[in-house]
Amino acid sequence: MQYRKDRYGNALSVLGFGCLRFPKDRGKIDQAELEREIARAVDLGVNYFDTAYIYPGSEAALGQALANLQLRDKVFLADKLPHYLIRSRDGLEKAFAEQLKRLQTDHIDYYLMHMLNDTGAWERLINLGVVDWLSEKRRQGAIGQVGFSYHGSTEPFCKLLDAWDWDFCQIQYNYLDRHTQAGEKGLRYAHSKGLPVVIMEPLRGGKLVYGLPTEAKRLMEDYPVQRSPAQWGLRWLWSQPEVTVVLSGMNSLAMVEENAAAADAAAAGMLTPEEDALLESVAAAIRAATKVGCTGCGYCMPCPQGVNIPGTFAAYNRMAAEGKKLPALKEHLRATAFASTNSAAYQCIGCGKCEQHCPQHVAIRASLKEASKALEGPIYRAAAWGIRALHLFG
């Protein structure tokens, strides 16, 4: 495992364990499998674990795993303040106390303002007394370093960097988002201020691995050097010296092994100009075939009407990427009609609650209408009716 230092000299593994997409069994986090994966990851050198208050079950599962494995003192914990749920200083205290309880710890090493997307949100927190509160927690040793995670465009990101003396930051960044979100310009500006940068969505929630369109796959397959899509995506990031930690939402032992092996070879400048050009071409092929820029993060859920928003968009994008309707239709049926309650896209009433929470700023309501029109025609509705009539759902 390779390591890069934060601004205080701590050596952080270049591969971090993202805790949004833990392994599941029948819809619940598989604790035994999770502990096998965490134990193996730490054994391979991973020492940075990133969770959040709103990741369903994540904090408690991670805390239990680290306690059972007796690994808390061997890793750095990153967690996030859900400031969008907080209206007072008492609320800050209550949320933080709950996080410590879930994590079974007395301190959080790296504490982020979650989805802090403009200076206005930061000013609201200042008015609630967050600066004094953070200072107090740091004096007590309950919080180590303070940063923020960001989903937005470049200019507001740079303004946020200047708004306070942050210790680090976290951005969405990958070869598809080179010039969107905070982007390359934001990454370099953070680095110029001496801030470590943690990367989330390095593979776009798996879309840069499992959801590649035919043309993108062909470009990689025809390249003289053969690497997996995951290795290409991680290599592109680690080649940039401004990147400190790359988070991967690993949910299988095979994924842990593959990503850790790639991290062993991580080095600044490792990507050649020819390889960079390849990934530019791959990105262009992906953009040409993508209908909806959904990463599957699930922040839009639950939908008040029960719509499976990420599942719908995954099937819709698959149809566009592969140029075939039947596999996408089958996937959509599995994600919606086989559920215990109807979760089809046509149920959307346009309330807009989902769009308030989407980090990618997807026009969800309009996109659901498009996806429904493409996927939920007579064949889908007949099949869905038959499935429910026969009680084939779990």
Protein backbone atom coordinates (compact mmCIF):
# COMPACT_ATOMS: atom_id res chain seq x y z
CA MET A 1 0.00 0.00 0.00
CA GLN A 2 1.20 3.49 -0.81
CA TYR A 3 0.58 6.40 1.56
CA ARG A 4 0.33 10.16 1.22
CA LYS A 5 0.51 12.62 4.10
CA ASP A 6 -2.06 15.09 5.36
CA ARG A 7 -1.04 18.60 6.41
CA TYR A 8 -0.05 17.38 9.89
CA GLY A 9 2.12 14.50 8.72
CA ASN A 10 -0.30 11.58 9.15
CA ALA A 11 0.27 8.89 6.53
CA LEU A 12 -3.05 8.06 4.85
CA SER A 13 -3.50 5.06 2.59
CA VAL A 14 -4.04 6.17 -1.01
CA LEU A 15 -6.97 3.73 -1.08
CA GLY A 16 -9.72 4.57 1.37
CA PHE A 17 -12.73 2.43 2.27
CA GLY A 18 -15.94 4.21 1.29
CA CYS A 19 -18.76 3.07 3.56
CA LEU A 20 -21.88 3.96 1.57
CA ARG A 21 -22.22 0.70 -0.34
CA PHE A 22 -21.62 -2.04 2.25
CA PRO A 23 -22.38 -5.66 1.23
CA LYS A 24 -25.99 -6.64 1.79
CA ASP A 25 -27.99 -9.79 2.29
CA ARG A 26 -31.74 -9.57 1.74
CA GLY A 27 -31.64 -5.80 1.88
CA LYS A 28 -29.68 -5.57 5.15
CA ILE A 29 -25.98 -4.99 5.71
CA ASP A 30 -24.20 -8.35 5.88
CA GLN A 31 -22.16 -7.78 9.04
CA ALA A 32 -20.13 -10.98 8.81
CA GLU A 33 -19.12 -10.31 5.21
CA LEU A 34 -18.38 -6.69 6.00
CA GLU A 35 -16.04 -7.68 8.80
CA ARG A 36 -14.19 -10.09 6.51
CA GLU A 37 -13.71 -7.29 3.99
CA ILE A 38 -12.62 -4.71 6.56
CA ALA A 39 -10.17 -7.14 8.18
CA ARG A 40 -8.65 -7.92 4.79
CA ALA A 41 -8.51 -4.27 3.77
CA VAL A 42 -6.65 -3.30 6.95
CA ASP A 43 -4.35 -6.29 6.52
CA LEU A 44 -3.52 -4.96 3.04
CA GLY A 45 -2.78 -1.49 4.42
CA VAL A 46 -6.03 0.47 4.13
CA ASN A 47 -6.28 2.86 7.09
CA TYR A 48 -8.91 5.47 6.06
CA PHE A 49 -12.63 4.71 6.47
CA ASP A 50 -15.29 7.19 5.39
CA THR A 51 -18.93 7.08 6.52
CA ALA A 52 -21.79 9.55 7.07
CA TYR A 53 -24.77 10.10 9.35
CA ILE A 54 -27.28 9.54 6.54
CA TYR A 55 -25.71 6.39 5.05
CA PRO A 56 -28.35 3.82 6.12
CA GLY A 57 -26.89 1.61 8.86
CA SER A 58 -23.30 2.45 7.89
CA GLU A 59 -22.02 4.12 11.06
CA ALA A 60 -23.39 1.40 13.35
CA ALA A 61 -22.12 -1.42 11.13
CA LEU A 62 -18.68 0.15 10.82
CA GLY A 63 -18.46 0.81 14.55
CA GLN A 64 -19.47 -2.77 15.34
CA ALA A 65 -16.98 -4.16 12.85
CA LEU A 66 -14.05 -2.13 14.21
CA ALA A 67 -15.00 -3.11 17.78
CA ASN A 68 -15.32 -6.80 16.96
CA LEU A 69 -12.05 -6.80 15.03
CA GLN A 70 -10.31 -4.57 17.61
CA LEU A 71 -9.13 -2.26 14.84
CA ARG A 72 -10.33 1.17 15.96
CA ASP A 73 -6.87 2.31 17.02
CA LYS A 74 -5.34 1.15 13.73
CA VAL A 75 -7.48 3.24 11.38
CA PHE A 76 -8.57 6.81 10.76
CA LEU A 77 -12.32 7.40 10.91
CA ALA A 78 -13.95 10.06 8.73
CA ASP A 79 -17.57 11.00 9.38
CA LYS A 80 -19.86 13.84 8.33
CA LEU A 81 -22.07 16.37 10.08
CA PRO A 82 -25.59 16.39 8.56
CA HIS A 83 -25.85 20.18 8.80
CA TYR A 84 -28.95 20.22 6.58
CA LEU A 85 -30.82 18.46 9.43
CA ILE A 86 -29.60 20.81 12.17
CA ARG A 87 -31.22 24.02 13.37
CA SER A 88 -29.36 24.83 16.60
CA ARG A 89 -26.15 24.31 18.55
CA ASP A 90 -27.97 21.70 20.60
CA GLY A 91 -28.65 19.94 17.32
CA LEU A 92 -24.92 19.86 16.60
CA GLU A 93 -24.28 18.22 19.94
CA LYS A 94 -27.10 15.72 19.58
CA ALA A 95 -26.05 14.57 16.10
CA PHE A 96 -22.39 14.24 17.09
CA ALA A 97 -23.20 12.28 20.26
CA GLU A 98 -25.31 9.89 18.21
CA GLN A 99 -22.46 9.40 15.74
CA LEU A 100 -19.99 8.58 18.51
CA LYS A 101 -22.46 6.08 19.93
CA ARG A 102 -23.04 4.40 16.58
CA LEU A 103 -19.31 4.23 15.89
CA GLN A 104 -18.50 2.98 19.41
CA THR A 105 -15.70 5.50 19.75
CA ASP A 106 -14.84 8.64 21.70
CA HIS A 107 -13.37 10.56 18.77
CA ILE A 108 -13.61 11.06 15.01
CA ASP A 109 -10.32 11.69 13.26
CA TYR A 110 -11.60 13.53 10.17
CA TYR A 111 -14.91 15.38 10.51
CA LEU A 112 -16.60 16.87 7.46
CA MET A 113 -19.46 19.27 6.87
CA HIS A 114 -21.50 16.99 4.62
CA MET A 115 -22.48 18.29 1.17
CA LEU A 116 -21.46 21.86 1.99
CA ASN A 117 -22.10 23.30 -1.44
CA ASP A 118 -21.89 27.08 -1.00
CA THR A 119 -20.67 29.75 1.38
CA GLY A 120 -24.26 30.54 2.36
CA ALA A 121 -24.63 27.12 3.98
CA TRP A 122 -21.35 27.67 5.83
CA GLU A 123 -22.45 31.11 7.04
CA ARG A 124 -25.66 29.57 8.39
CA LEU A 125 -23.57 27.10 10.37
CA ILE A 126 -21.37 29.92 11.66
CA ASN A 127 -24.49 31.67 12.91
CA LEU A 128 -25.42 28.47 14.78
CA GLY A 129 -22.05 28.59 16.57
CA VAL A 130 -20.34 25.78 14.67
CA VAL A 131 -16.87 27.36 14.81
CA ASP A 132 -16.83 27.57 18.62
CA TRP A 133 -18.40 24.12 18.81
CA LEU A 134 -15.72 22.60 16.57
CA SER A 135 -12.97 24.35 18.54
CA GLU A 136 -14.36 22.92 21.76
CA LYS A 137 -14.51 19.40 20.32
CA ARG A 138 -10.97 19.67 19.06
CA ARG A 139 -9.71 20.81 22.47
CA GLN A 140 -11.47 17.81 24.00
CA GLY A 141 -9.88 15.47 21.45
CA ALA A 142 -13.30 14.39 20.18
CA ILE A 143 -12.61 15.75 16.68
CA GLY A 144 -9.27 15.68 14.92
CA GLN A 145 -9.29 17.52 11.62
CA VAL A 146 -12.17 19.47 10.06
CA GLY A 147 -13.11 19.57 6.40
CA PHE A 148 -16.09 19.48 4.07
CA SER A 149 -17.44 17.31 1.28
CA TYR A 150 -18.62 19.01 -1.86
CA HIS A 151 -20.95 18.42 -4.79
CA GLY A 152 -21.17 21.48 -6.99
CA SER A 153 -19.33 23.58 -9.55
CA THR A 154 -15.79 24.94 -9.45
CA GLU A 155 -16.21 28.59 -8.48
CA PRO A 156 -18.35 28.05 -5.34
CA PHE A 157 -15.87 25.35 -4.29
CA CYS A 158 -12.94 27.75 -4.48
CA LYS A 159 -14.91 30.34 -2.49
CA LEU A 160 -15.60 27.73 0.20
CA LEU A 161 -11.91 26.90 0.39
CA ASP A 162 -11.24 30.57 1.15
CA ALA A 163 -14.08 30.90 3.67
CA TRP A 164 -12.28 29.19 6.58
CA ASP A 165 -9.03 27.54 7.56
CA TRP A 166 -9.97 23.99 6.62
CA ASP A 167 -7.75 20.98 7.25
CA PHE A 168 -8.86 18.97 4.21
CA CYS A 169 -11.68 18.61 1.70
CA GLN A 170 -13.50 15.89 -0.22
CA ILE A 171 -14.72 16.14 -3.82
CA GLN A 172 -16.26 14.00 -6.53
CA TYR A 173 -13.57 13.53 -9.17
CA ASN A 174 -12.86 10.98 -11.90
CA TYR A 175 -11.88 10.98 -15.55
CA LEU A 176 -15.48 11.64 -16.53
CA ASP A 177 -15.76 14.61 -14.13
CA ARG A 178 -12.43 16.15 -15.06
CA HIS A 179 -14.03 19.50 -15.81
CA THR A 180 -17.32 19.24 -13.90
CA GLN A 181 -18.06 19.36 -10.16
CA ALA A 182 -15.01 20.90 -8.40
CA GLY A 183 -12.95 19.56 -11.28
CA GLU A 184 -9.28 19.71 -12.02
CA LYS A 185 -9.16 23.45 -11.31
CA GLY A 186 -10.71 22.98 -7.86
CA LEU A 187 -8.38 20.09 -7.05
CA ARG A 188 -5.33 22.14 -7.89
CA TYR A 189 -6.56 25.18 -6.00
CA ALA A 190 -7.09 23.09 -2.86
CA HIS A 191 -3.59 21.66 -3.27
CA SER A 192 -2.14 25.17 -3.67
CA LYS A 193 -3.58 26.00 -0.23
CA GLY A 194 -1.86 22.96 1.26
CA LEU A 195 -5.05 20.94 1.71
CA PRO A 196 -5.19 17.17 1.33
CA VAL A 197 -7.96 16.19 -1.09
CA VAL A 198 -10.02 13.03 -0.59
CA ILE A 199 -11.74 11.72 -3.71
CA MET A 200 -15.24 10.24 -3.74
CA GLU A 201 -17.04 8.62 -6.67
CA PRO A 202 -13.74 7.72 -8.38
CA LEU A 203 -15.60 5.18 -10.52
CA ARG A 204 -18.95 7.00 -10.55
CA GLY A 205 -20.63 4.47 -8.26
CA GLY A 206 -19.40 1.60 -10.45
CA LYS A 207 -20.61 3.18 -13.69
CA LEU A 208 -17.00 3.42 -14.93
CA VAL A 209 -16.66 -0.32 -14.33
CA TYR A 210 -19.96 -2.09 -14.93
CA GLY A 211 -21.90 0.48 -16.93
CA LEU A 212 -19.48 1.19 -19.75
CA PRO A 213 -21.05 1.52 -23.22
CA THR A 214 -19.92 -0.77 -26.02
CA GLU A 215 -17.64 1.82 -27.63
CA ALA A 216 -15.86 2.59 -24.34
CA LYS A 217 -15.24 -1.11 -23.77
CA ARG A 218 -13.87 -1.47 -27.29
CA LEU A 219 -11.43 1.40 -26.77
CA MET A 220 -10.03 -0.25 -23.64
CA GLU A 221 -9.91 -3.71 -25.20
CA ASP A 222 -8.03 -2.41 -28.26
CA TYR A 223 -5.41 -0.57 -26.22
CA PRO A 224 -1.97 -2.30 -26.22
CA VAL A 225 -1.82 -2.37 -22.39
CA GLN A 226 -4.64 -4.34 -20.79
CA ARG A 227 -6.10 -3.18 -17.48
CA SER A 228 -9.51 -3.56 -15.88
CA PRO A 229 -11.83 -0.53 -16.02
CA ALA A 230 -11.38 -0.09 -12.25
CA GLN A 231 -7.60 -0.08 -12.59
CA TRP A 232 -7.78 2.54 -15.34
CA GLY A 233 -9.97 4.82 -13.23
CA LEU A 234 -7.85 4.52 -10.10
CA ARG A 235 -4.59 4.87 -12.02
CA TRP A 236 -5.81 8.14 -13.54
CA LEU A 237 -6.44 9.56 -10.06
CA TRP A 238 -3.32 8.34 -8.30
CA SER A 239 -1.17 9.73 -11.09
CA GLN A 240 -2.11 13.22 -9.85
CA PRO A 241 0.04 14.33 -6.90
CA GLU A 242 -2.77 16.62 -5.68
CA VAL A 243 -4.89 13.56 -4.81
CA THR A 244 -4.36 12.25 -1.28
CA VAL A 245 -6.93 9.46 -0.73
CA VAL A 246 -9.23 7.76 -3.23
CA LEU A 247 -12.36 6.29 -1.66
CA SER A 248 -13.76 3.08 -3.07
CA GLY A 249 -17.13 1.69 -2.02
CA MET A 250 -15.81 -1.86 -1.81
CA ASN A 251 -18.42 -4.53 -1.16
CA SER A 252 -16.66 -7.79 -1.96
CA LEU A 253 -13.37 -9.42 -1.05
CA ALA A 254 -12.46 -9.56 -4.73
CA MET A 255 -12.89 -5.80 -5.00
CA VAL A 256 -10.78 -5.23 -1.89
CA GLU A 257 -8.02 -7.42 -3.31
CA GLU A 258 -8.06 -5.82 -6.77
CA ASN A 259 -8.10 -2.24 -5.53
CA ALA A 260 -5.43 -2.85 -2.90
CA ALA A 261 -3.19 -4.45 -5.52
CA ALA A 262 -3.64 -1.39 -7.72
CA ALA A 263 -2.86 0.87 -4.74
CA ASP A 264 0.43 -0.94 -4.20
CA ALA A 265 1.64 0.53 -7.50
CA ALA A 266 0.15 4.01 -7.06
CA ALA A 267 2.58 6.77 -7.95
CA ALA A 268 2.39 10.39 -9.02
CA GLY A 269 2.95 10.76 -12.76
CA MET A 270 2.29 7.08 -13.47
CA LEU A 271 -0.17 7.79 -16.30
CA THR A 272 1.41 8.33 -19.70
CA PRO A 273 0.11 10.98 -22.15
CA GLU A 274 -1.13 8.16 -24.39
CA GLU A 275 -3.07 6.58 -21.53
CA ASP A 276 -4.57 9.94 -20.62
CA ALA A 277 -5.69 10.38 -24.23
CA LEU A 278 -7.31 6.93 -24.12
CA LEU A 279 -9.36 7.88 -21.07
CA GLU A 280 -10.41 11.15 -22.72
CA SER A 281 -11.77 9.06 -25.59
CA VAL A 282 -13.48 6.65 -23.19
CA ALA A 283 -15.08 9.58 -21.37
CA ALA A 284 -16.37 10.99 -24.66
CA ALA A 285 -17.90 7.60 -25.52
CA ILE A 286 -19.57 7.43 -22.09
CA ARG A 287 -21.02 10.93 -22.38
CA ALA A 288 -22.40 10.13 -25.82
CA ALA A 289 -24.25 7.08 -24.47
CA THR A 290 -25.42 8.31 -21.06
CA LYS A 291 -29.03 9.38 -20.61
CA VAL A 292 -28.94 10.38 -16.92
CA GLY A 293 -25.91 11.37 -14.85
CA CYS A 294 -26.97 9.29 -11.83
CA THR A 295 -24.24 7.64 -9.72
CA GLY A 296 -26.64 5.46 -7.73
CA CYS A 297 -25.71 7.11 -4.42
CA GLY A 298 -29.31 6.92 -3.17
CA TYR A 299 -29.42 10.39 -1.60
CA CYS A 300 -32.72 10.92 -3.46
CA MET A 301 -34.35 8.07 -1.57
CA PRO A 302 -36.77 7.20 -0.16
CA CYS A 303 -39.28 8.51 -2.68
CA PRO A 304 -42.65 9.38 -1.05
CA GLN A 305 -44.38 7.47 -3.86
CA GLY A 306 -42.06 4.48 -3.60
CA VAL A 307 -40.28 4.99 -6.94
CA ASN A 308 -36.94 3.19 -7.21
CA ILE A 309 -35.12 6.19 -8.67
CA PRO A 310 -31.53 4.81 -8.86
CA GLY A 311 -32.78 1.45 -10.17
CA THR A 312 -34.83 3.12 -12.89
CA PHE A 313 -31.93 5.27 -14.07
CA ALA A 314 -29.53 2.31 -14.02
CA ALA A 315 -31.77 0.40 -16.42
CA TYR A 316 -32.36 3.47 -18.59
CA ASN A 317 -28.63 4.14 -18.91
CA ARG A 318 -27.98 0.47 -19.63
CA MET A 319 -30.43 0.58 -22.52
CA ALA A 320 -28.59 3.57 -23.99
CA ALA A 321 -25.11 2.15 -23.36
CA GLU A 322 -25.78 -1.29 -24.86
CA GLY A 323 -28.23 -0.26 -27.54
CA LYS A 324 -30.52 -3.12 -26.49
CA LYS A 325 -33.87 -2.82 -24.79
CA LEU A 326 -34.54 -6.37 -23.54
CA PRO A 327 -31.68 -6.63 -20.98
CA ALA A 328 -32.55 -3.19 -19.63
CA LEU A 329 -36.24 -4.11 -19.44
CA LYS A 330 -35.40 -7.25 -17.46
CA GLU A 331 -33.21 -5.23 -15.11
CA HIS A 332 -35.99 -2.68 -14.62
CA LEU A 333 -38.52 -5.41 -13.85
CA ARG A 334 -36.19 -6.91 -11.25
CA ALA A 335 -35.67 -3.50 -9.63
CA THR A 336 -39.32 -2.47 -9.59
CA ALA A 337 -41.91 -5.19 -10.24
CA PHE A 338 -40.24 -7.82 -8.05
CA ALA A 339 -40.16 -5.44 -5.08
CA SER A 340 -42.62 -5.96 -2.25
CA THR A 341 -44.34 -2.71 -3.23
CA ASN A 342 -44.72 -1.15 -6.64
CA SER A 343 -41.70 1.08 -7.34
CA ALA A 344 -42.21 1.91 -11.03
CA ALA A 345 -41.25 5.34 -12.38
CA TYR A 346 -44.76 6.12 -13.65
CA GLN A 347 -45.79 6.65 -10.00
CA CYS A 348 -43.78 9.88 -9.78
CA ILE A 349 -46.09 12.82 -9.00
CA GLY A 350 -43.42 15.47 -9.49
CA CYS A 351 -43.14 16.57 -5.85
CA GLY A 352 -39.44 17.37 -6.29
CA LYS A 353 -38.28 16.12 -2.89
CA CYS A 354 -35.66 13.94 -4.58
CA GLU A 355 -34.08 16.84 -6.46
CA GLN A 356 -33.47 18.75 -3.23
CA HIS A 357 -31.00 16.06 -2.15
CA CYS A 358 -29.34 15.01 -5.43
CA PRO A 359 -25.57 15.73 -5.31
CA GLN A 360 -25.40 15.48 -9.11
CA HIS A 361 -28.18 18.05 -9.64
CA VAL A 362 -30.01 15.66 -11.93
CA ALA A 363 -33.40 16.83 -13.26
CA ILE A 364 -34.92 13.72 -11.70
CA ARG A 365 -38.58 14.40 -12.39
CA ALA A 366 -38.09 15.05 -16.09
CA SER A 367 -35.67 12.13 -16.41
CA LEU A 368 -38.12 9.76 -14.70
CA LYS A 369 -40.76 10.68 -17.27
CA GLU A 370 -38.31 9.92 -20.08
CA ALA A 371 -37.26 6.64 -18.47
CA SER A 372 -40.86 5.59 -17.89
CA LYS A 373 -41.74 6.30 -21.51
CA ALA A 374 -38.77 4.23 -22.71
CA LEU A 375 -39.07 1.30 -20.29
CA GLU A 376 -42.62 1.08 -18.97
CA GLY A 377 -44.65 0.44 -22.09
CA PRO A 378 -47.26 -2.31 -22.62
CA ILE A 379 -44.72 -5.16 -22.35
CA TYR A 380 -43.44 -3.90 -18.99
CA ARG A 381 -46.90 -3.31 -17.56
CA ALA A 382 -48.16 -6.74 -18.63
CA ALA A 383 -45.08 -8.45 -17.17
CA ALA A 384 -45.33 -6.44 -13.94
CA TRP A 385 -49.01 -7.31 -13.59
CA GLY A 386 -48.22 -11.01 -14.09
CA ILE A 387 -45.43 -10.94 -11.54
CA ARG A 388 -47.69 -9.40 -8.91
CA ALA A 389 -50.59 -11.67 -9.75
CA LEU A 390 -48.37 -14.69 -9.14
CA HIS A 391 -46.85 -13.19 -5.97
CA LEU A 392 -43.31 -13.71 -7.24
CA PHE A 393 -41.90 -10.84 -5.22
CA GLY A 394 -40.05 -11.36 -1.93
